[in-house]
Protein backbone atom coordinates (compact mmCIF):
# COMPACT_ATOMS: atom_id res chain seq x y z
CA UNK A 1 -141.96 1.16 126.62
CA UNK A 2 -142.51 4.01 129.45
CA UNK A 3 -140.04 6.84 129.19
CA UNK A 4 -136.70 6.47 131.11
CA UNK A 5 -136.05 8.62 134.20
CA UNK A 6 -132.29 10.13 133.14
CA UNK A 7 -130.42 11.25 136.04
CA UNK A 8 -127.20 11.73 134.21
CA UNK A 9 -128.56 13.68 131.71
CA UNK A 10 -130.10 16.00 134.54
CA UNK A 11 -126.87 16.14 136.48
CA UNK A 12 -125.02 17.32 132.88
CA UNK A 13 -128.23 20.12 132.44
CA UNK A 14 -127.71 21.46 136.14
CA UNK A 15 -123.72 21.15 135.15
CA UNK A 16 -124.35 23.41 132.08
CA UNK A 17 -126.20 25.98 133.79
CA UNK A 18 -123.88 25.97 136.65
CA UNK A 19 -121.17 26.92 134.94
CA UNK A 20 -122.60 29.50 132.64
CA UNK A 21 -124.06 31.13 135.70
CA UNK A 22 -120.81 31.42 136.92
CA UNK A 23 -118.94 32.89 134.04
CA UNK A 24 -121.74 35.35 133.57
CA UNK A 25 -120.76 36.24 137.20
CA UNK A 26 -117.13 36.49 136.72
CA UNK A 27 -116.14 33.63 138.83
CA UNK A 28 -113.41 31.68 138.93
CA UNK A 29 -113.78 27.98 140.68
CA UNK A 30 -111.96 28.76 143.92
CA UNK A 31 -113.87 32.65 143.60
CA UNK A 32 -117.63 30.69 143.26
CA UNK A 33 -116.31 28.14 146.48
CA UNK A 34 -114.80 30.70 149.02
CA UNK A 35 -116.68 30.65 152.24
CA UNK A 36 -119.01 27.49 150.93
CA UNK A 37 -119.62 24.57 152.66
CA UNK A 38 -117.72 22.42 149.67
CA UNK A 39 -114.62 22.50 147.49
CA UNK A 40 -113.52 23.51 144.28
CA UNK A 41 -113.36 19.70 143.42
CA UNK A 42 -117.05 19.24 144.08
CA UNK A 43 -118.08 22.18 141.87
CA UNK A 44 -116.12 21.33 139.37
CA UNK A 45 -117.60 17.51 139.03
CA UNK A 46 -121.02 19.25 139.51
CA UNK A 47 -120.36 21.35 136.65
CA UNK A 48 -119.32 18.48 134.22
CA UNK A 49 -122.36 16.15 135.60
CA UNK A 50 -120.08 13.78 137.48
CA UNK A 51 -122.12 14.28 140.70
CA UNK A 52 -124.76 16.23 142.25
CA UNK A 53 -124.43 18.08 145.36
CA UNK A 54 -125.32 16.18 148.54
CA UNK A 55 -127.63 18.75 150.10
CA UNK A 56 -130.07 21.09 148.25
CA UNK A 57 -129.09 24.18 150.49
CA UNK A 58 -125.43 23.88 148.86
CA UNK A 59 -127.18 24.04 145.78
CA UNK A 60 -129.24 26.98 147.02
CA UNK A 61 -126.43 28.61 148.31
CA UNK A 62 -123.91 28.52 144.94
CA UNK A 63 -126.96 30.30 143.74
CA UNK A 64 -127.40 33.09 145.86
CA UNK A 65 -123.52 33.22 145.21
CA UNK A 66 -124.52 33.72 141.33
CA UNK A 67 -127.49 36.39 142.56
CA UNK A 68 -129.89 34.41 141.04
CA UNK A 69 -133.06 35.41 142.36
CA UNK A 70 -135.74 33.76 139.91
CA UNK A 71 -137.59 31.68 141.78
CA UNK A 72 -139.00 29.58 139.00
CA UNK A 73 -135.42 28.80 137.76
CA UNK A 74 -134.09 28.21 141.07
CA UNK A 75 -136.68 25.35 141.17
CA UNK A 76 -136.28 24.44 137.75
CA UNK A 77 -132.76 23.63 139.26
CA UNK A 78 -133.34 22.26 142.22
CA UNK A 79 -135.69 19.90 140.54
CA UNK A 80 -132.70 19.14 138.02
CA UNK A 81 -130.75 18.50 141.33
CA UNK A 82 -133.24 16.38 142.80
CA UNK A 83 -133.84 13.95 139.51
CA UNK A 84 -129.86 13.77 139.24
CA UNK A 85 -129.93 12.02 142.25
CA UNK A 86 -132.22 9.09 141.69
CA UNK A 87 -131.16 5.69 139.91
CA UNK A 88 -130.00 4.98 136.83
CA UNK A 89 -132.46 3.25 134.43
CA UNK A 90 -129.55 0.33 134.17
CA UNK A 91 -129.52 -0.07 137.67
CA UNK A 92 -129.27 -3.43 138.78
CA UNK A 93 -129.02 -4.96 135.02
CA UNK A 94 -125.50 -5.20 135.38
CA UNK A 95 -123.00 -5.27 138.52
CA UNK A 96 -119.62 -5.19 136.25
CA UNK A 97 -119.57 -2.04 133.86
CA UNK A 98 -116.51 -0.63 132.61
CA UNK A 99 -114.96 2.30 133.79
CA UNK A 100 -116.73 5.40 132.32
CA UNK A 101 -119.96 3.24 130.84
CA UNK A 102 -122.43 4.26 133.27
CA UNK A 103 -121.84 7.86 131.75
CA UNK A 104 -121.50 6.90 128.60
CA UNK A 105 -124.92 5.25 128.87
CA UNK A 106 -126.37 8.44 131.19
CA UNK A 107 -125.97 10.56 127.86
CA UNK A 108 -126.79 7.68 125.48
CA UNK A 109 -130.51 8.03 127.09
CA UNK A 110 -130.94 11.63 126.85
CA UNK A 111 -129.86 11.34 123.05
CA UNK A 112 -132.86 12.25 120.57
CA UNK A 113 -130.27 11.08 117.52
CA UNK A 114 -127.24 9.51 117.42
CA UNK A 115 -124.50 8.59 114.38
CA UNK A 116 -122.21 5.68 114.55
CA UNK A 117 -119.96 3.62 112.64
CA UNK A 118 -117.61 1.04 113.78
CA UNK A 119 -114.56 -0.07 111.59
CA UNK A 120 -114.50 -4.13 112.62
CA UNK A 121 -118.37 -4.69 113.69
CA UNK A 122 -121.46 -4.15 112.92
CA UNK A 123 -122.70 -1.34 115.87
CA UNK A 124 -123.95 -2.50 119.04
CA UNK A 125 -127.07 -0.57 118.81
CA UNK A 126 -127.74 -2.21 115.71
CA UNK A 127 -126.52 -6.19 116.80
CA UNK A 128 -128.66 -9.26 117.60
CA UNK A 129 -128.43 -10.94 120.55
CA UNK A 130 -126.26 -13.61 119.03
CA UNK A 131 -123.82 -11.54 117.27
CA UNK A 132 -123.47 -9.61 120.84
CA UNK A 133 -122.20 -12.53 122.21
CA UNK A 134 -120.47 -13.94 119.60
CA UNK A 135 -118.22 -10.36 119.33
CA UNK A 136 -117.69 -11.11 123.47
CA UNK A 137 -116.72 -14.41 123.08
CA UNK A 138 -114.17 -13.24 120.25
CA UNK A 139 -112.63 -10.63 122.77
CA UNK A 140 -113.00 -13.14 126.12
CA UNK A 141 -109.51 -14.33 126.01
CA UNK A 142 -107.94 -10.80 125.30
CA UNK A 143 -109.95 -9.06 127.76
CA UNK A 144 -109.96 -11.71 130.21
CA UNK A 145 -113.20 -11.45 130.92
CA UNK A 146 -115.79 -13.94 132.81
CA UNK A 147 -118.88 -15.44 131.31
CA UNK A 148 -120.77 -13.57 134.11
CA UNK A 149 -119.96 -10.27 132.22
CA UNK A 150 -120.13 -11.39 128.52
CA UNK A 151 -123.76 -12.37 129.83
CA UNK A 152 -124.56 -9.25 131.91
CA UNK A 153 -123.10 -6.90 128.94
CA UNK A 154 -124.97 -8.87 125.93
CA UNK A 155 -127.95 -8.25 128.04
CA UNK A 156 -127.47 -4.39 128.66
CA UNK A 157 -126.43 -4.19 125.19
CA UNK A 158 -130.18 -5.61 123.91
CA UNK A 159 -131.90 -3.32 126.50
CA UNK A 160 -130.18 -0.45 125.11
CA UNK A 161 -131.59 -1.03 122.04
CA UNK A 162 -135.61 -0.62 123.30
CA UNK A 163 -135.17 3.02 121.78
CA UNK A 164 -134.64 2.21 118.47
CA UNK A 165 -138.84 0.37 118.92
CA UNK A 166 -140.48 2.04 121.19
CA UNK A 167 -143.73 3.48 120.02
CA UNK A 168 -143.70 6.72 121.60
CA UNK A 169 -140.43 9.28 120.01
CA UNK A 170 -138.55 6.35 119.14
CA UNK A 171 -134.47 7.23 118.69
CA UNK A 172 -133.39 8.52 115.46
CA UNK A 173 -130.35 6.76 114.64
CA UNK A 174 -127.99 7.05 111.42
CA UNK A 175 -125.64 4.25 110.97
CA UNK A 176 -122.36 3.53 108.35
CA UNK A 177 -121.94 0.01 108.13
CA UNK A 178 -118.32 -0.77 106.72
CA UNK A 179 -118.51 -3.45 104.24
CA UNK A 180 -115.54 -5.26 105.43
CA UNK A 181 -117.11 -5.24 108.77
CA UNK A 182 -119.89 -6.62 107.70
CA UNK A 183 -118.26 -9.43 106.13
CA UNK A 184 -116.08 -10.27 109.05
CA UNK A 185 -117.43 -13.45 110.60
CA UNK A 186 -119.08 -13.72 113.98
CA UNK A 187 -120.20 -17.11 114.87
CA UNK A 188 -121.45 -19.57 112.26
CA UNK A 189 -123.57 -18.14 109.20
CA UNK A 190 -127.01 -18.76 110.98
CA UNK A 191 -125.64 -16.08 113.34
CA UNK A 192 -124.30 -13.96 109.97
CA UNK A 193 -127.96 -14.31 108.52
CA UNK A 194 -129.88 -13.28 111.17
CA UNK A 195 -127.73 -10.41 111.73
CA UNK A 196 -128.43 -9.34 108.33
CA UNK A 197 -131.78 -10.13 108.65
CA UNK A 198 -132.16 -7.84 111.56
CA UNK A 199 -130.15 -4.92 109.62
CA UNK A 200 -132.31 -5.45 106.64
CA UNK A 201 -135.67 -5.12 109.14
CA UNK A 202 -134.22 -1.88 110.83
CA UNK A 203 -133.42 -0.34 107.57
CA UNK A 204 -137.07 -0.09 107.02
CA UNK A 205 -137.83 1.83 109.55
CA UNK A 206 -138.72 5.86 109.36
CA UNK A 207 -136.40 6.84 112.43
CA UNK A 208 -133.35 4.85 111.32
CA UNK A 209 -131.22 5.28 108.07
CA UNK A 210 -128.20 2.46 107.43
CA UNK A 211 -125.80 2.94 105.02
CA UNK A 212 -123.20 0.68 103.74
CA UNK A 213 -119.88 1.94 103.16
CA UNK A 214 -117.77 -0.24 100.41
CA UNK A 215 -114.29 -0.05 100.25
CA UNK A 216 -113.00 2.23 97.48
CA UNK A 217 -109.52 3.75 96.60
CA UNK A 218 -108.95 7.25 98.37
CA UNK A 219 -111.93 6.35 100.34
CA UNK A 220 -111.65 7.97 104.06
CA UNK A 221 -112.69 5.42 106.49
CA UNK A 222 -112.30 6.12 110.41
CA UNK A 223 -109.75 4.05 112.37
CA UNK A 224 -112.01 3.86 115.33
CA UNK A 225 -115.60 3.88 116.15
CA UNK A 226 -117.28 7.42 115.30
CA UNK A 227 -120.33 7.86 117.88
CA UNK A 228 -122.15 11.37 118.03
CA UNK A 229 -124.83 11.86 119.97
CA UNK A 230 -127.22 14.58 119.69
CA UNK A 231 -129.08 15.24 122.98
CA UNK A 232 -132.30 16.59 123.89
CA UNK A 233 -133.21 19.34 126.11
CA UNK A 234 -130.63 21.83 125.02
CA UNK A 235 -127.58 19.79 126.47
CA UNK A 236 -124.43 19.79 124.49
CA UNK A 237 -124.04 17.22 121.58
CA UNK A 238 -121.28 15.18 122.78
CA UNK A 239 -118.95 12.25 121.36
CA UNK A 240 -117.83 9.10 122.66
CA UNK A 241 -113.89 8.86 122.76
CA UNK A 242 -113.35 5.23 124.13
CA UNK A 243 -109.81 4.27 124.60
CA UNK A 244 -107.73 1.39 124.01
CA UNK A 245 -107.87 0.54 127.67
CA UNK A 246 -110.82 -1.01 128.03
CA UNK A 247 -112.43 2.43 128.90
CA UNK A 248 -115.13 4.27 127.82
CA UNK A 249 -115.10 7.97 127.76
CA UNK A 250 -117.75 11.08 126.32
CA UNK A 251 -116.60 14.86 125.63
CA UNK A 252 -118.64 17.86 124.25
CA UNK A 253 -115.82 19.66 123.32
CA UNK A 254 -116.85 21.68 120.48
CA UNK A 255 -113.26 20.64 118.69
CA UNK A 256 -113.72 16.92 119.45
CA UNK A 257 -117.13 16.73 118.31
CA UNK A 258 -116.87 18.86 115.03
CA UNK A 259 -113.62 16.40 114.44
CA UNK A 260 -115.93 13.24 114.63
CA UNK A 261 -118.47 14.82 112.81
CA UNK A 262 -116.64 16.01 109.77
CA UNK A 263 -115.34 12.04 109.66
CA UNK A 264 -118.91 10.92 109.57
CA UNK A 265 -119.85 13.11 106.71
CA UNK A 266 -116.88 11.86 104.61
CA UNK A 267 -117.78 8.24 105.01
CA UNK A 268 -121.56 9.47 104.29
CA UNK A 269 -120.35 11.26 100.84
CA UNK A 270 -119.19 7.76 100.24
CA UNK A 271 -121.62 5.07 101.24
CA UNK A 272 -124.12 3.71 98.85
CA UNK A 273 -127.40 5.26 99.12
CA UNK A 274 -130.01 3.67 102.23
CA UNK A 275 -132.49 2.22 99.89
CA UNK A 276 -130.21 -0.46 98.54
CA UNK A 277 -129.44 -1.40 101.95
CA UNK A 278 -131.96 -4.24 102.40
CA UNK A 279 -130.89 -5.58 98.84
CA UNK A 280 -126.83 -5.73 100.30
CA UNK A 281 -128.11 -7.56 103.25
CA UNK A 282 -129.79 -10.34 101.11
CA UNK A 283 -126.87 -10.33 99.14
CA UNK A 284 -124.82 -11.00 101.81
CA UNK A 285 -126.74 -13.83 103.75
CA UNK A 286 -126.94 -15.64 100.36
CA UNK A 287 -123.66 -15.26 100.39
CA UNK A 288 -123.38 -17.06 103.64
CA UNK A 289 -124.85 -20.05 102.55
CA UNK A 290 -122.23 -20.94 99.80
């Protein structure tokens, strides 16, 4: 599969660089934009990677304010600005993304390694199409989503999984699967058998590590999903921090990322060795026939 463009990652990279330059110049946001053709709010959104400057001249004016004179560095940042304004790879895949989902997808697409856990279901990057559809239909009456939304969401989830099996530089994935979540029935027995088989197949890939976490007295289990994305190109490691209000959020604040990392490491310590995963999946598949 050809390499995907990563506009969100480019915007995050540009914002990260500009924030560092502003701090090195000893300027507040208000001081940085004083007399320039954009306001403090715009610069703040650019620094956090939420948007790009509408005009390249705005970026050049800001770099002049920061006394950046290295032409190679200016050209690099202008290129990030231009690429950050291009279309994301999922444009046209879905027209009804959840709040915050576009930014999450942009960050995920820039990840070189992801560590995931979910307390009640198989994580999305490992789900079969049938299992993903069953998960959405279970939540459909609660979230009042449409059938079209379910179809689009499942299709998008399958598209996201392509990074695991691409020939060039596949994503490194480390997943902790909670045994009670693996046993929770989604769909009919055939759906669950297909899901177990898929996990067993992926567990054999060199770029994927899958461990099963059995319930044990005194063992730590996160009460919510954990998703840690280690980004490429020197960008900050980012954690997914979903809310209960049907939104998706991400944060690269070191304190929050470290907390999620501690949670994941605690579960790794109690999980079974990766080599046991195919055998466990085979056992679970046999149990569905009883």
